[in-house]
Amino acid sequence: MERKFNKQPKLHIKTGDTVKVLTGDDKGKTGKVLSVNLEKRRAIVEGINMVTKHVKPTATNPQGGIENKEASLHISNLKLVDPKTGEATRIGRKKGENGKLVRYSKKTGEVING
């Protein structure tokens, strides 16, 4: 008998969340999550971990040149910012009113929407 399990891991961070960076060059900065890669457990945060990329000339960009863009960070280096207090907090999961799992702040106990 084949064992069944959830193929998509549940992460404490979703797209659109505001997060704080815990380690690295951008330690202490906050930003909005633009995208999350579930397989690699990495997230791209707006304005954080900027890298320079050399771009070849194309039909849409005939000049080419150097552009700055965000690189991904491992989600273990990110902590969600509580929308009520503005401080970084740990996340828990509990059943909401409609029976679905909802995320809540371990610091304040408030349910986090999103």
PDB file of N, CA and C in Angstrom:
ATOM      1  N   MET A   1       0.837  -1.179   0.000  1.00  0.00           N
ATOM      2  CA  MET A   1       0.000   0.000   0.000  1.00  0.00           C
ATOM      3  C   MET A   1       0.884   1.245   0.000  1.00  0.00           C
ATOM      4  N   GLU A   2       0.575   2.183  -0.877  1.00  0.00           N
ATOM      5  CA  GLU A   2       1.374   3.392  -1.004  1.00  0.00           C
ATOM      6  C   GLU A   2       1.016   4.380   0.106  1.00  0.00           C
ATOM      7  N   ARG A   3       2.056   4.960   0.688  1.00  0.00           N
ATOM      8  CA  ARG A   3       1.834   5.923   1.760  1.00  0.00           C
ATOM      9  C   ARG A   3       1.450   7.275   1.172  1.00  0.00           C
ATOM     10  N   LYS A   4       0.399   7.869   1.707  1.00  0.00           N
ATOM     11  CA  LYS A   4      -0.051   9.172   1.224  1.00  0.00           C
ATOM     12  C   LYS A   4       0.433  10.256   2.180  1.00  0.00           C
ATOM     13  N   PHE A   5       0.900  11.348   1.612  1.00  0.00           N
ATOM     14  CA  PHE A   5       1.314  12.482   2.418  1.00  0.00           C
ATOM     15  C   PHE A   5       1.135  13.757   1.605  1.00  0.00           C
ATOM     16  N   ASN A   6       1.161  14.856   2.304  1.00  0.00           N
ATOM     17  CA  ASN A   6       0.969  16.154   1.664  1.00  0.00           C
ATOM     18  C   ASN A   6       2.218  16.496   0.856  1.00  0.00           C
ATOM     19  N   LYS A   7       2.072  16.644  -0.440  1.00  0.00           N
ATOM     20  CA  LYS A   7       3.222  16.915  -1.292  1.00  0.00           C
ATOM     21  C   LYS A   7       3.664  18.379  -1.209  1.00  0.00           C
ATOM     22  N   GLN A   8       2.770  19.277  -0.803  1.00  0.00           N
ATOM     23  CA  GLN A   8       3.093  20.687  -0.717  1.00  0.00           C
ATOM     24  C   GLN A   8       3.301  21.065   0.751  1.00  0.00           C
ATOM     25  N   PRO A   9       4.520  21.479   1.119  1.00  0.00           N
ATOM     26  CA  PRO A   9       4.757  21.796   2.520  1.00  0.00           C
ATOM     27  C   PRO A   9       4.048  23.085   2.926  1.00  0.00           C
ATOM     28  N   LYS A  10       3.644  23.164   4.184  1.00  0.00           N
ATOM     29  CA  LYS A  10       3.042  24.387   4.718  1.00  0.00           C
ATOM     30  C   LYS A  10       4.167  25.247   5.272  1.00  0.00           C
ATOM     31  N   LEU A  11       4.219  26.485   4.834  1.00  0.00           N
ATOM     32  CA  LEU A  11       5.247  27.408   5.281  1.00  0.00           C
ATOM     33  C   LEU A  11       4.604  28.506   6.118  1.00  0.00           C
ATOM     34  N   HIS A  12       5.412  29.161   6.946  1.00  0.00           N
ATOM     35  CA  HIS A  12       4.880  30.220   7.796  1.00  0.00           C
ATOM     36  C   HIS A  12       4.779  31.543   7.056  1.00  0.00           C
ATOM     37  N   ILE A  13       5.251  31.587   5.809  1.00  0.00           N
ATOM     38  CA  ILE A  13       5.251  32.817   5.020  1.00  0.00           C
ATOM     39  C   ILE A  13       4.468  32.599   3.742  1.00  0.00           C
ATOM     40  N   LYS A  14       3.647  33.586   3.373  1.00  0.00           N
ATOM     41  CA  LYS A  14       2.890  33.550   2.128  1.00  0.00           C
ATOM     42  C   LYS A  14       3.218  34.797   1.320  1.00  0.00           C
ATOM     43  N   THR A  15       2.877  34.778   0.040  1.00  0.00           N
ATOM     44  CA  THR A  15       3.047  35.939  -0.811  1.00  0.00           C
ATOM     45  C   THR A  15       2.169  37.075  -0.291  1.00  0.00           C
ATOM     46  N   GLY A  16       2.753  38.256  -0.209  1.00  0.00           N
ATOM     47  CA  GLY A  16       2.023  39.421   0.278  1.00  0.00           C
ATOM     48  C   GLY A  16       2.265  39.734   1.739  1.00  0.00           C
ATOM     49  N   ASP A  17       2.888  38.826   2.489  1.00  0.00           N
ATOM     50  CA  ASP A  17       3.181  39.075   3.899  1.00  0.00           C
ATOM     51  C   ASP A  17       4.311  40.090   4.041  1.00  0.00           C
ATOM     52  N   THR A  18       4.320  40.793   5.165  1.00  0.00           N
ATOM     53  CA  THR A  18       5.440  41.654   5.515  1.00  0.00           C
ATOM     54  C   THR A  18       6.340  40.864   6.444  1.00  0.00           C
ATOM     55  N   VAL A  19       7.632  40.788   6.099  1.00  0.00           N
ATOM     56  CA  VAL A  19       8.569  39.975   6.869  1.00  0.00           C
ATOM     57  C   VAL A  19       9.773  40.799   7.295  1.00  0.00           C
ATOM     58  N   LYS A  20      10.464  40.301   8.318  1.00  0.00           N
ATOM     59  CA  LYS A  20      11.694  40.904   8.802  1.00  0.00           C
ATOM     60  C   LYS A  20      12.829  39.918   8.541  1.00  0.00           C
ATOM     61  N   VAL A  21      13.990  40.420   8.097  1.00  0.00           N
ATOM     62  CA  VAL A  21      15.150  39.578   7.804  1.00  0.00           C
ATOM     63  C   VAL A  21      15.930  39.380   9.096  1.00  0.00           C
ATOM     64  N   LEU A  22      16.248  38.106   9.416  1.00  0.00           N
ATOM     65  CA  LEU A  22      16.921  37.772  10.668  1.00  0.00           C
ATOM     66  C   LEU A  22      18.438  37.725  10.543  1.00  0.00           C
ATOM     67  N   THR A  23      18.961  37.319   9.377  1.00  0.00           N
ATOM     68  CA  THR A  23      20.409  37.174   9.210  1.00  0.00           C
ATOM     69  C   THR A  23      20.839  37.710   7.860  1.00  0.00           C
ATOM     70  N   GLY A  24      22.136  37.901   7.714  1.00  0.00           N
ATOM     71  CA  GLY A  24      22.687  38.317   6.421  1.00  0.00           C
ATOM     72  C   GLY A  24      22.977  39.810   6.364  1.00  0.00           C
ATOM     73  N   ASP A  25      23.302  40.280   5.172  1.00  0.00           N
ATOM     74  CA  ASP A  25      23.661  41.682   4.975  1.00  0.00           C
ATOM     75  C   ASP A  25      22.487  42.618   5.250  1.00  0.00           C
ATOM     76  N   ASP A  26      21.272  42.163   5.003  1.00  0.00           N
ATOM     77  CA  ASP A  26      20.075  42.984   5.183  1.00  0.00           C
ATOM     78  C   ASP A  26      19.378  42.710   6.520  1.00  0.00           C
ATOM     79  N   LYS A  27      20.125  42.279   7.522  1.00  0.00           N
ATOM     80  CA  LYS A  27      19.552  41.933   8.828  1.00  0.00           C
ATOM     81  C   LYS A  27      18.817  43.130   9.421  1.00  0.00           C
ATOM     82  N   GLY A  28      17.577  42.884   9.891  1.00  0.00           N
ATOM     83  CA  GLY A  28      16.783  43.917  10.532  1.00  0.00           C
ATOM     84  C   GLY A  28      15.856  44.667   9.596  1.00  0.00           C
ATOM     85  N   LYS A  29      16.046  44.531   8.279  1.00  0.00           N
ATOM     86  CA  LYS A  29      15.191  45.224   7.318  1.00  0.00           C
ATOM     87  C   LYS A  29      13.875  44.476   7.150  1.00  0.00           C
ATOM     88  N   THR A  30      12.829  45.211   6.785  1.00  0.00           N
ATOM     89  CA  THR A  30      11.538  44.600   6.526  1.00  0.00           C
ATOM     90  C   THR A  30      11.134  44.850   5.090  1.00  0.00           C
ATOM     91  N   GLY A  31      10.316  43.960   4.562  1.00  0.00           N
ATOM     92  CA  GLY A  31       9.836  44.093   3.186  1.00  0.00           C
ATOM     93  C   GLY A  31       8.660  43.184   2.935  1.00  0.00           C
ATOM     94  N   LYS A  32       8.040  43.358   1.771  1.00  0.00           N
ATOM     95  CA  LYS A  32       6.874  42.578   1.384  1.00  0.00           C
ATOM     96  C   LYS A  32       7.325  41.394   0.535  1.00  0.00           C
ATOM     97  N   VAL A  33       6.760  40.225   0.780  1.00  0.00           N
ATOM     98  CA  VAL A  33       7.115  39.010   0.038  1.00  0.00           C
ATOM     99  C   VAL A  33       6.473  39.081  -1.350  1.00  0.00           C
ATOM    100  N   LEU A  34       7.305  38.996  -2.392  1.00  0.00           N
ATOM    101  CA  LEU A  34       6.817  39.049  -3.765  1.00  0.00           C
ATOM    102  C   LEU A  34       6.445  37.672  -4.279  1.00  0.00           C
ATOM    103  N   SER A  35       7.259  36.650  -3.951  1.00  0.00           N
ATOM    104  CA  SER A  35       6.965  35.286  -4.391  1.00  0.00           C
ATOM    105  C   SER A  35       7.639  34.297  -3.455  1.00  0.00           C
ATOM    106  N   VAL A  36       7.089  33.076  -3.432  1.00  0.00           N
ATOM    107  CA  VAL A  36       7.623  32.000  -2.594  1.00  0.00           C
ATOM    108  C   VAL A  36       7.814  30.765  -3.461  1.00  0.00           C
ATOM    109  N   ASN A  37       8.999  30.142  -3.385  1.00  0.00           N
ATOM    110  CA  ASN A  37       9.285  28.896  -4.084  1.00  0.00           C
ATOM    111  C   ASN A  37       9.188  27.764  -3.060  1.00  0.00           C
ATOM    112  N   LEU A  38       8.118  26.949  -3.167  1.00  0.00           N
ATOM    113  CA  LEU A  38       7.872  25.912  -2.171  1.00  0.00           C
ATOM    114  C   LEU A  38       8.908  24.799  -2.208  1.00  0.00           C
ATOM    115  N   GLU A  39       9.338  24.397  -3.414  1.00  0.00           N
ATOM    116  CA  GLU A  39      10.278  23.276  -3.518  1.00  0.00           C
ATOM    117  C   GLU A  39      11.628  23.630  -2.890  1.00  0.00           C
ATOM    118  N   LYS A  40      12.117  24.834  -3.143  1.00  0.00           N
ATOM    119  CA  LYS A  40      13.419  25.250  -2.626  1.00  0.00           C
ATOM    120  C   LYS A  40      13.324  25.937  -1.273  1.00  0.00           C
ATOM    121  N   ARG A  41      12.093  26.215  -0.805  1.00  0.00           N
ATOM    122  CA  ARG A  41      11.843  26.898   0.461  1.00  0.00           C
ATOM    123  C   ARG A  41      12.546  28.250   0.506  1.00  0.00           C
ATOM    124  N   ARG A  42      12.382  29.008  -0.568  1.00  0.00           N
ATOM    125  CA  ARG A  42      13.001  30.327  -0.677  1.00  0.00           C
ATOM    126  C   ARG A  42      11.939  31.362  -1.032  1.00  0.00           C
ATOM    127  N   ALA A  43      12.187  32.601  -0.653  1.00  0.00           N
ATOM    128  CA  ALA A  43      11.243  33.686  -0.921  1.00  0.00           C
ATOM    129  C   ALA A  43      11.999  34.895  -1.467  1.00  0.00           C
ATOM    130  N   ILE A  44      11.327  35.655  -2.325  1.00  0.00           N
ATOM    131  CA  ILE A  44      11.867  36.910  -2.836  1.00  0.00           C
ATOM    132  C   ILE A  44      11.135  38.031  -2.116  1.00  0.00           C
ATOM    133  N   VAL A  45      11.908  38.916  -1.474  1.00  0.00           N
ATOM    134  CA  VAL A  45      11.357  40.007  -0.683  1.00  0.00           C
ATOM    135  C   VAL A  45      11.700  41.330  -1.363  1.00  0.00           C
ATOM    136  N   GLU A  46      10.718  42.221  -1.422  1.00  0.00           N
ATOM    137  CA  GLU A  46      10.852  43.497  -2.118  1.00  0.00           C
ATOM    138  C   GLU A  46      11.941  44.354  -1.468  1.00  0.00           C
ATOM    139  N   GLY A  47      12.968  44.722  -2.270  1.00  0.00           N
ATOM    140  CA  GLY A  47      14.028  45.612  -1.808  1.00  0.00           C
ATOM    141  C   GLY A  47      15.090  44.958  -0.947  1.00  0.00           C
ATOM    142  N   ILE A  48      15.052  43.640  -0.766  1.00  0.00           N
ATOM    143  CA  ILE A  48      15.998  42.931   0.094  1.00  0.00           C
ATOM    144  C   ILE A  48      16.857  41.997  -0.766  1.00  0.00           C
ATOM    145  N   ASN A  49      18.137  41.867  -0.412  1.00  0.00           N
ATOM    146  CA  ASN A  49      19.082  40.976  -1.100  1.00  0.00           C
ATOM    147  C   ASN A  49      19.203  41.345  -2.577  1.00  0.00           C
ATOM    148  N   MET A  50      19.481  42.619  -2.841  1.00  0.00           N
ATOM    149  CA  MET A  50      19.598  43.116  -4.210  1.00  0.00           C
ATOM    150  C   MET A  50      20.917  42.643  -4.826  1.00  0.00           C
ATOM    151  N   VAL A  51      20.841  42.177  -6.074  1.00  0.00           N
ATOM    152  CA  VAL A  51      22.016  41.752  -6.829  1.00  0.00           C
ATOM    153  C   VAL A  51      22.013  42.478  -8.167  1.00  0.00           C
ATOM    154  N   THR A  52      23.217  42.652  -8.742  1.00  0.00           N
ATOM    155  CA  THR A  52      23.313  43.261 -10.066  1.00  0.00           C
ATOM    156  C   THR A  52      23.371  42.150 -11.096  1.00  0.00           C
ATOM    157  N   LYS A  53      22.634  42.328 -12.171  1.00  0.00           N
ATOM    158  CA  LYS A  53      22.564  41.317 -13.219  1.00  0.00           C
ATOM    159  C   LYS A  53      22.873  41.988 -14.550  1.00  0.00           C
ATOM    160  N   HIS A  54      23.782  41.388 -15.318  1.00  0.00           N
ATOM    161  CA  HIS A  54      24.114  41.900 -16.643  1.00  0.00           C
ATOM    162  C   HIS A  54      23.105  41.341 -17.634  1.00  0.00           C
ATOM    163  N   VAL A  55      22.474  42.228 -18.391  1.00  0.00           N
ATOM    164  CA  VAL A  55      21.410  41.841 -19.304  1.00  0.00           C
ATOM    165  C   VAL A  55      21.881  42.050 -20.733  1.00  0.00           C
ATOM    166  N   LYS A  56      21.726  41.007 -21.558  1.00  0.00           N
ATOM    167  CA  LYS A  56      22.088  41.112 -22.977  1.00  0.00           C
ATOM    168  C   LYS A  56      21.055  41.950 -23.715  1.00  0.00           C
ATOM    169  N   PRO A  57      21.454  42.609 -24.780  1.00  0.00           N
ATOM    170  CA  PRO A  57      20.477  43.342 -25.585  1.00  0.00           C
ATOM    171  C   PRO A  57      19.484  42.389 -26.245  1.00  0.00           C
ATOM    172  N   THR A  58      18.206  42.755 -26.201  1.00  0.00           N
ATOM    173  CA  THR A  58      17.149  41.973 -26.839  1.00  0.00           C
ATOM    174  C   THR A  58      16.293  42.922 -27.662  1.00  0.00           C
ATOM    175  N   ALA A  59      15.268  42.369 -28.300  1.00  0.00           N
ATOM    176  CA  ALA A  59      14.374  43.203 -29.107  1.00  0.00           C
ATOM    177  C   ALA A  59      13.607  44.187 -28.227  1.00  0.00           C
ATOM    178  N   THR A  60      13.194  43.743 -27.040  1.00  0.00           N
ATOM    179  CA  THR A  60      12.452  44.636 -26.149  1.00  0.00           C
ATOM    180  C   THR A  60      13.373  45.603 -25.414  1.00  0.00           C
ATOM    181  N   ASN A  61      14.619  45.188 -25.168  1.00  0.00           N
ATOM    182  CA  ASN A  61      15.595  46.038 -24.483  1.00  0.00           C
ATOM    183  C   ASN A  61      16.852  46.112 -25.349  1.00  0.00           C
ATOM    184  N   PRO A  62      16.859  46.965 -26.384  1.00  0.00           N
ATOM    185  CA  PRO A  62      17.986  46.968 -27.322  1.00  0.00           C
ATOM    186  C   PRO A  62      19.293  47.469 -26.719  1.00  0.00           C
ATOM    187  N   GLN A  63      19.211  48.219 -25.625  1.00  0.00           N
ATOM    188  CA  GLN A  63      20.421  48.764 -25.015  1.00  0.00           C
ATOM    189  C   GLN A  63      21.150  47.717 -24.169  1.00  0.00           C
ATOM    190  N   GLY A  64      20.404  46.828 -23.508  1.00  0.00           N
ATOM    191  CA  GLY A  64      21.028  45.881 -22.585  1.00  0.00           C
ATOM    192  C   GLY A  64      21.477  46.620 -21.341  1.00  0.00           C
ATOM    193  N   GLY A  65      22.558  46.168 -20.697  1.00  0.00           N
ATOM    194  CA  GLY A  65      23.125  46.891 -19.563  1.00  0.00           C
ATOM    195  C   GLY A  65      23.075  46.108 -18.271  1.00  0.00           C
ATOM    196  N   ILE A  66      23.151  46.847 -17.170  1.00  0.00           N
ATOM    197  CA  ILE A  66      23.186  46.262 -15.836  1.00  0.00           C
ATOM    198  C   ILE A  66      21.909  46.666 -15.106  1.00  0.00           C
ATOM    199  N   GLU A  67      21.230  45.695 -14.502  1.00  0.00           N
ATOM    200  CA  GLU A  67      20.020  45.999 -13.737  1.00  0.00           C
ATOM    201  C   GLU A  67      20.119  45.390 -12.351  1.00  0.00           C
ATOM    202  N   ASN A  68      19.480  46.033 -11.384  1.00  0.00           N
ATOM    203  CA  ASN A  68      19.413  45.519 -10.014  1.00  0.00           C
ATOM    204  C   ASN A  68      18.092  44.796  -9.834  1.00  0.00           C
ATOM    205  N   LYS A  69      18.142  43.631  -9.196  1.00  0.00           N
ATOM    206  CA  LYS A  69      16.918  42.893  -8.899  1.00  0.00           C
ATOM    207  C   LYS A  69      17.093  42.124  -7.610  1.00  0.00           C
ATOM    208  N   GLU A  70      15.960  41.686  -7.048  1.00  0.00           N
ATOM    209  CA  GLU A  70      15.992  40.954  -5.793  1.00  0.00           C
ATOM    210  C   GLU A  70      16.367  39.497  -6.030  1.00  0.00           C
ATOM    211  N   ALA A  71      17.207  38.960  -5.149  1.00  0.00           N
ATOM    212  CA  ALA A  71      17.524  37.530  -5.168  1.00  0.00           C
ATOM    213  C   ALA A  71      16.743  36.871  -4.027  1.00  0.00           C
ATOM    214  N   SER A  72      16.616  35.558  -4.097  1.00  0.00           N
ATOM    215  CA  SER A  72      15.804  34.858  -3.097  1.00  0.00           C
ATOM    216  C   SER A  72      16.570  34.665  -1.792  1.00  0.00           C
ATOM    217  N   LEU A  73      15.815  34.529  -0.713  1.00  0.00           N
ATOM    218  CA  LEU A  73      16.335  34.238   0.617  1.00  0.00           C
ATOM    219  C   LEU A  73      15.682  32.961   1.117  1.00  0.00           C
ATOM    220  N   HIS A  74      16.390  32.207   1.949  1.00  0.00           N
ATOM    221  CA  HIS A  74      15.782  31.031   2.551  1.00  0.00           C
ATOM    222  C   HIS A  74      14.767  31.487   3.589  1.00  0.00           C
ATOM    223  N   ILE A  75      13.627  30.788   3.659  1.00  0.00           N
ATOM    224  CA  ILE A  75      12.549  31.255   4.540  1.00  0.00           C
ATOM    225  C   ILE A  75      12.904  31.133   6.020  1.00  0.00           C
ATOM    226  N   SER A  76      13.917  30.331   6.369  1.00  0.00           N
ATOM    227  CA  SER A  76      14.325  30.243   7.767  1.00  0.00           C
ATOM    228  C   SER A  76      14.976  31.539   8.239  1.00  0.00           C
ATOM    229  N   ASN A  77      15.401  32.387   7.297  1.00  0.00           N
ATOM    230  CA  ASN A  77      16.005  33.664   7.641  1.00  0.00           C
ATOM    231  C   ASN A  77      14.976  34.793   7.702  1.00  0.00           C
ATOM    232  N   LEU A  78      13.693  34.463   7.575  1.00  0.00           N
ATOM    233  CA  LEU A  78      12.631  35.464   7.575  1.00  0.00           C
ATOM    234  C   LEU A  78      11.658  35.189   8.710  1.00  0.00           C
ATOM    235  N   LYS A  79      11.115  36.256   9.283  1.00  0.00           N
ATOM    236  CA  LYS A  79      10.113  36.139  10.334  1.00  0.00           C
ATOM    237  C   LYS A  79       8.975  37.091  10.013  1.00  0.00           C
ATOM    238  N   LEU A  80       7.760  36.624  10.164  1.00  0.00           N
ATOM    239  CA  LEU A  80       6.585  37.423   9.847  1.00  0.00           C
ATOM    240  C   LEU A  80       6.438  38.585  10.826  1.00  0.00           C
ATOM    241  N   VAL A  81       6.035  39.749  10.294  1.00  0.00           N
ATOM    242  CA  VAL A  81       5.789  40.918  11.131  1.00  0.00           C
ATOM    243  C   VAL A  81       4.305  40.955  11.458  1.00  0.00           C
ATOM    244  N   ASP A  82       3.990  41.060  12.753  1.00  0.00           N
ATOM    245  CA  ASP A  82       2.601  41.116  13.210  1.00  0.00           C
ATOM    246  C   ASP A  82       1.982  42.439  12.762  1.00  0.00           C
ATOM    247  N   PRO A  83       0.851  42.397  12.025  1.00  0.00           N
ATOM    248  CA  PRO A  83       0.264  43.644  11.535  1.00  0.00           C
ATOM    249  C   PRO A  83      -0.233  44.571  12.647  1.00  0.00           C
ATOM    250  N   LYS A  84      -0.601  44.035  13.804  1.00  0.00           N
ATOM    251  CA  LYS A  84      -1.116  44.860  14.906  1.00  0.00           C
ATOM    252  C   LYS A  84       0.001  45.629  15.613  1.00  0.00           C
ATOM    253  N   THR A  85       1.091  44.912  15.985  1.00  0.00           N
ATOM    254  CA  THR A  85       2.152  45.531  16.785  1.00  0.00           C
ATOM    255  C   THR A  85       3.315  46.034  15.947  1.00  0.00           C
ATOM    256  N   GLY A  86       3.528  45.472  14.760  1.00  0.00           N
ATOM    257  CA  GLY A  86       4.663  45.864  13.926  1.00  0.00           C
ATOM    258  C   GLY A  86       5.957  45.181  14.314  1.00  0.00           C
ATOM    259  N   GLU A  87       5.892  44.163  15.178  1.00  0.00           N
ATOM    260  CA  GLU A  87       7.082  43.426  15.609  1.00  0.00           C
ATOM    261  C   GLU A  87       7.100  42.044  14.974  1.00  0.00           C
ATOM    262  N   ALA A  88       8.296  41.464  14.860  1.00  0.00           N
ATOM    263  CA  ALA A  88       8.436  40.117  14.315  1.00  0.00           C
ATOM    264  C   ALA A  88       7.861  39.119  15.313  1.00  0.00           C
ATOM    265  N   THR A  89       7.183  38.095  14.803  1.00  0.00           N
ATOM    266  CA  THR A  89       6.532  37.115  15.674  1.00  0.00           C
ATOM    267  C   THR A  89       6.595  35.735  15.059  1.00  0.00           C
ATOM    268  N   ARG A  90       6.464  34.730  15.924  1.00  0.00           N
ATOM    269  CA  ARG A  90       6.349  33.361  15.439  1.00  0.00           C
ATOM    270  C   ARG A  90       4.900  33.112  15.049  1.00  0.00           C
ATOM    271  N   ILE A  91       4.693  32.059  14.253  1.00  0.00           N
ATOM    272  CA  ILE A  91       3.369  31.753  13.717  1.00  0.00           C
ATOM    273  C   ILE A  91       2.919  30.398  14.221  1.00  0.00           C
ATOM    274  N   GLY A  92       1.636  30.303  14.566  1.00  0.00           N
ATOM    275  CA  GLY A  92       1.005  29.042  14.899  1.00  0.00           C
ATOM    276  C   GLY A  92      -0.193  28.833  13.994  1.00  0.00           C
ATOM    277  N   ARG A  93      -0.750  27.627  14.015  1.00  0.00           N
ATOM    278  CA  ARG A  93      -1.955  27.325  13.224  1.00  0.00           C
ATOM    279  C   ARG A  93      -3.013  26.730  14.147  1.00  0.00           C
ATOM    280  N   LYS A  94      -4.245  27.189  13.950  1.00  0.00           N
ATOM    281  CA  LYS A  94      -5.367  26.631  14.696  1.00  0.00           C
ATOM    282  C   LYS A  94      -6.596  26.675  13.805  1.00  0.00           C
ATOM    283  N   LYS A  95      -7.637  25.954  14.198  1.00  0.00           N
ATOM    284  CA  LYS A  95      -8.869  25.948  13.408  1.00  0.00           C
ATOM    285  C   LYS A  95      -9.630  27.245  13.640  1.00  0.00           C
ATOM    286  N   GLY A  96     -10.085  27.829  12.530  1.00  0.00           N
ATOM    287  CA  GLY A  96     -10.866  29.059  12.613  1.00  0.00           C
ATOM    288  C   GLY A  96     -12.336  28.768  12.794  1.00  0.00           C
ATOM    289  N   GLU A  97     -13.166  29.807  12.592  1.00  0.00           N
ATOM    290  CA  GLU A  97     -14.607  29.649  12.783  1.00  0.00           C
ATOM    291  C   GLU A  97     -15.214  28.684  11.776  1.00  0.00           C
ATOM    292  N   ASN A  98     -14.703  28.706  10.533  1.00  0.00           N
ATOM    293  CA  ASN A  98     -15.290  27.860   9.496  1.00  0.00           C
ATOM    294  C   ASN A  98     -14.624  26.479   9.412  1.00  0.00           C
ATOM    295  N   GLY A  99     -13.752  26.140  10.354  1.00  0.00           N
ATOM    296  CA  GLY A  99     -13.125  24.820  10.374  1.00  0.00           C
ATOM    297  C   GLY A  99     -11.822  24.732   9.600  1.00  0.00           C
ATOM    298  N   LYS A 100     -11.436  25.805   8.900  1.00  0.00           N
ATOM    299  CA  LYS A 100     -10.166  25.802   8.162  1.00  0.00           C
ATOM    300  C   LYS A 100      -9.036  26.241   9.080  1.00  0.00           C
ATOM    301  N   LEU A 101      -7.813  25.828   8.727  1.00  0.00           N
ATOM    302  CA  LEU A 101      -6.649  26.253   9.491  1.00  0.00           C
ATOM    303  C   LEU A 101      -6.364  27.723   9.212  1.00  0.00           C
ATOM    304  N   VAL A 102      -6.125  28.486  10.255  1.00  0.00           N
ATOM    305  CA  VAL A 102      -5.743  29.891  10.124  1.00  0.00           C
ATOM    306  C   VAL A 102      -4.432  30.106  10.869  1.00  0.00           C
ATOM    307  N   ARG A 103      -3.664  31.087  10.403  1.00  0.00           N
ATOM    308  CA  ARG A 103      -2.414  31.428  11.069  1.00  0.00           C
ATOM    309  C   ARG A 103      -2.697  32.456  12.164  1.00  0.00           C
ATOM    310  N   TYR A 104      -1.968  32.316  13.287  1.00  0.00           N
ATOM    311  CA  TYR A 104      -2.114  33.306  14.351  1.00  0.00           C
ATOM    312  C   TYR A 104      -0.746  33.661  14.911  1.00  0.00           C
ATOM    313  N   SER A 105      -0.661  34.851  15.481  1.00  0.00           N
ATOM    314  CA  SER A 105       0.580  35.346  16.061  1.00  0.00           C
ATOM    315  C   SER A 105       0.775  34.734  17.426  1.00  0.00           C
ATOM    316  N   LYS A 106       1.938  34.159  17.674  1.00  0.00           N
ATOM    317  CA  LYS A 106       2.227  33.568  18.983  1.00  0.00           C
ATOM    318  C   LYS A 106       2.431  34.654  20.041  1.00  0.00           C
ATOM    319  N   LYS A 107       2.797  35.869  19.603  1.00  0.00           N
ATOM    320  CA  LYS A 107       3.057  36.960  20.532  1.00  0.00           C
ATOM    321  C   LYS A 107       1.770  37.556  21.074  1.00  0.00           C
ATOM    322  N   THR A 108       0.802  37.820  20.155  1.00  0.00           N
ATOM    323  CA  THR A 108      -0.441  38.478  20.569  1.00  0.00           C
ATOM    324  C   THR A 108      -1.638  37.550  20.566  1.00  0.00           C
ATOM    325  N   GLY A 109      -1.578  36.428  19.849  1.00  0.00           N
ATOM    326  CA  GLY A 109      -2.708  35.514  19.749  1.00  0.00           C
ATOM    327  C   GLY A 109      -3.721  35.914  18.703  1.00  0.00           C
ATOM    328  N   GLU A 110      -3.478  37.015  17.980  1.00  0.00           N
ATOM    329  CA  GLU A 110      -4.394  37.502  16.959  1.00  0.00           C
ATOM    330  C   GLU A 110      -4.280  36.671  15.680  1.00  0.00           C
ATOM    331  N   VAL A 111      -5.402  36.459  15.002  1.00  0.00           N
ATOM    332  CA  VAL A 111      -5.408  35.741  13.742  1.00  0.00           C
ATOM    333  C   VAL A 111      -4.844  36.647  12.649  1.00  0.00           C
ATOM    334  N   ILE A 112      -3.973  36.092  11.803  1.00  0.00           N
ATOM    335  CA  ILE A 112      -3.355  36.845  10.718  1.00  0.00           C
ATOM    336  C   ILE A 112      -4.090  36.528   9.436  1.00  0.00           C
ATOM    337  N   ASN A 113      -4.614  37.541   8.784  1.00  0.00           N
ATOM    338  CA  ASN A 113      -5.328  37.354   7.521  1.00  0.00           C
ATOM    339  C   ASN A 113      -4.342  37.215   6.375  1.00  0.00           C
ATOM    340  N   GLY A 114      -4.741  36.428   5.385  1.00  0.00           N
ATOM    341  CA  GLY A 114      -3.904  36.299   4.200  1.00  0.00           C
ATOM    342  C   GLY A 114      -3.480  34.898   3.922  1.00  0.00           C
TER     343      GLY A 114
END
